[in-house]
C-alpha atoms as a PDB file:
ATOM      1  CA  UNK A   1       8.338  18.355 -15.990  1.00  0.00           C
ATOM      2  CA  UNK A   2       6.927  16.727 -19.425  1.00  0.00           C
ATOM      3  CA  UNK A   3       4.865  18.206 -22.280  1.00  0.00           C
ATOM      4  CA  UNK A   4       1.308  15.468 -22.240  1.00  0.00           C
ATOM      5  CA  UNK A   5      -1.029  15.604 -25.590  1.00  0.00           C
ATOM      6  CA  UNK A   6      -4.463  16.266 -24.379  1.00  0.00           C
ATOM      7  CA  UNK A   7      -6.795  15.381 -26.896  1.00  0.00           C
ATOM      8  CA  UNK A   8      -4.808  14.321 -29.796  1.00  0.00           C
ATOM      9  CA  UNK A   9      -2.499  11.961 -29.102  1.00  0.00           C
ATOM     10  CA  UNK A  10       0.903  10.896 -30.564  1.00  0.00           C
ATOM     11  CA  UNK A  11       0.859   7.571 -30.190  1.00  0.00           C
ATOM     12  CA  UNK A  12      -3.039   7.566 -31.553  1.00  0.00           C
ATOM     13  CA  UNK A  13      -1.609   8.532 -34.917  1.00  0.00           C
ATOM     14  CA  UNK A  14      -3.438  12.198 -34.753  1.00  0.00           C
ATOM     15  CA  UNK A  15      -2.241  14.558 -37.656  1.00  0.00           C
ATOM     16  CA  UNK A  16      -0.927  17.059 -35.865  1.00  0.00           C
ATOM     17  CA  UNK A  17      -1.105  16.524 -31.984  1.00  0.00           C
ATOM     18  CA  UNK A  18       1.580  19.246 -31.438  1.00  0.00           C
ATOM     19  CA  UNK A  19      -0.828  22.042 -31.578  1.00  0.00           C
ATOM     20  CA  UNK A  20      -0.231  24.430 -28.913  1.00  0.00           C
ATOM     21  CA  UNK A  21      -3.939  23.757 -27.632  1.00  0.00           C
ATOM     22  CA  UNK A  22      -3.320  20.008 -26.952  1.00  0.00           C
ATOM     23  CA  UNK A  23      -0.472  20.572 -25.070  1.00  0.00           C
ATOM     24  CA  UNK A  24      -0.101  20.260 -21.374  1.00  0.00           C
ATOM     25  CA  UNK A  25       2.718  20.502 -19.154  1.00  0.00           C
ATOM     26  CA  UNK A  26       2.546  18.035 -16.332  1.00  0.00           C
ATOM     27  CA  UNK A  27       5.261  16.664 -13.652  1.00  0.00           C
ATOM     28  CA  UNK A  28       6.530  12.949 -15.227  1.00  0.00           C
ATOM     29  CA  UNK A  29       4.414  10.367 -12.535  1.00  0.00           C
ATOM     30  CA  UNK A  30       1.437  12.598 -13.022  1.00  0.00           C
ATOM     31  CA  UNK A  31       1.827  12.308 -16.744  1.00  0.00           C
ATOM     32  CA  UNK A  32       2.447   8.301 -15.965  1.00  0.00           C
ATOM     33  CA  UNK A  33      -0.716   7.763 -13.968  1.00  0.00           C
ATOM     34  CA  UNK A  34      -3.232   8.997 -16.873  1.00  0.00           C
ATOM     35  CA  UNK A  35      -1.237   8.222 -20.404  1.00  0.00           C
ATOM     36  CA  UNK A  36      -0.320   4.133 -20.022  1.00  0.00           C
ATOM     37  CA  UNK A  37       2.145   4.789 -23.016  1.00  0.00           C
ATOM     38  CA  UNK A  38       4.517   7.361 -21.068  1.00  0.00           C
ATOM     39  CA  UNK A  39       7.158   5.536 -18.178  1.00  0.00           C
ATOM     40  CA  UNK A  40       9.262   7.471 -16.024  1.00  0.00           C
ATOM     41  CA  UNK A  41      11.610   4.674 -15.727  1.00  0.00           C
ATOM     42  CA  UNK A  42      11.234   4.869 -11.725  1.00  0.00           C
ATOM     43  CA  UNK A  43       8.933   4.139  -9.276  1.00  0.00           C
ATOM     44  CA  UNK A  44       7.704   6.629  -6.779  1.00  0.00           C
ATOM     45  CA  UNK A  45       8.080   5.063  -3.253  1.00  0.00           C
ATOM     46  CA  UNK A  46       7.336   8.746  -1.337  1.00  0.00           C
ATOM     47  CA  UNK A  47       6.950  12.345  -1.610  1.00  0.00           C
ATOM     48  CA  UNK A  48       9.502  14.101   0.469  1.00  0.00           C
ATOM     49  CA  UNK A  49       8.107  17.945   0.125  1.00  0.00           C
ATOM     50  CA  UNK A  50       4.873  19.328  -0.903  1.00  0.00           C
ATOM     51  CA  UNK A  51       3.739  19.633  -4.120  1.00  0.00           C
ATOM     52  CA  UNK A  52       4.173  22.956  -4.606  1.00  0.00           C
ATOM     53  CA  UNK A  53       8.416  22.536  -3.367  1.00  0.00           C
ATOM     54  CA  UNK A  54      10.643  22.564  -6.650  1.00  0.00           C
END
């Protein structure tokens, strides 16, 4: 799991981007899909289990 800055981005120079209302947990590949500054370092090739399986 990763933490994504929803409205005030850390990379954008916001003064206080770490407010709880601005943070959202998500899977690394979902985070990389919406945030151009986040990279997993891996390439997702195939999903072996459903999305609700850990």
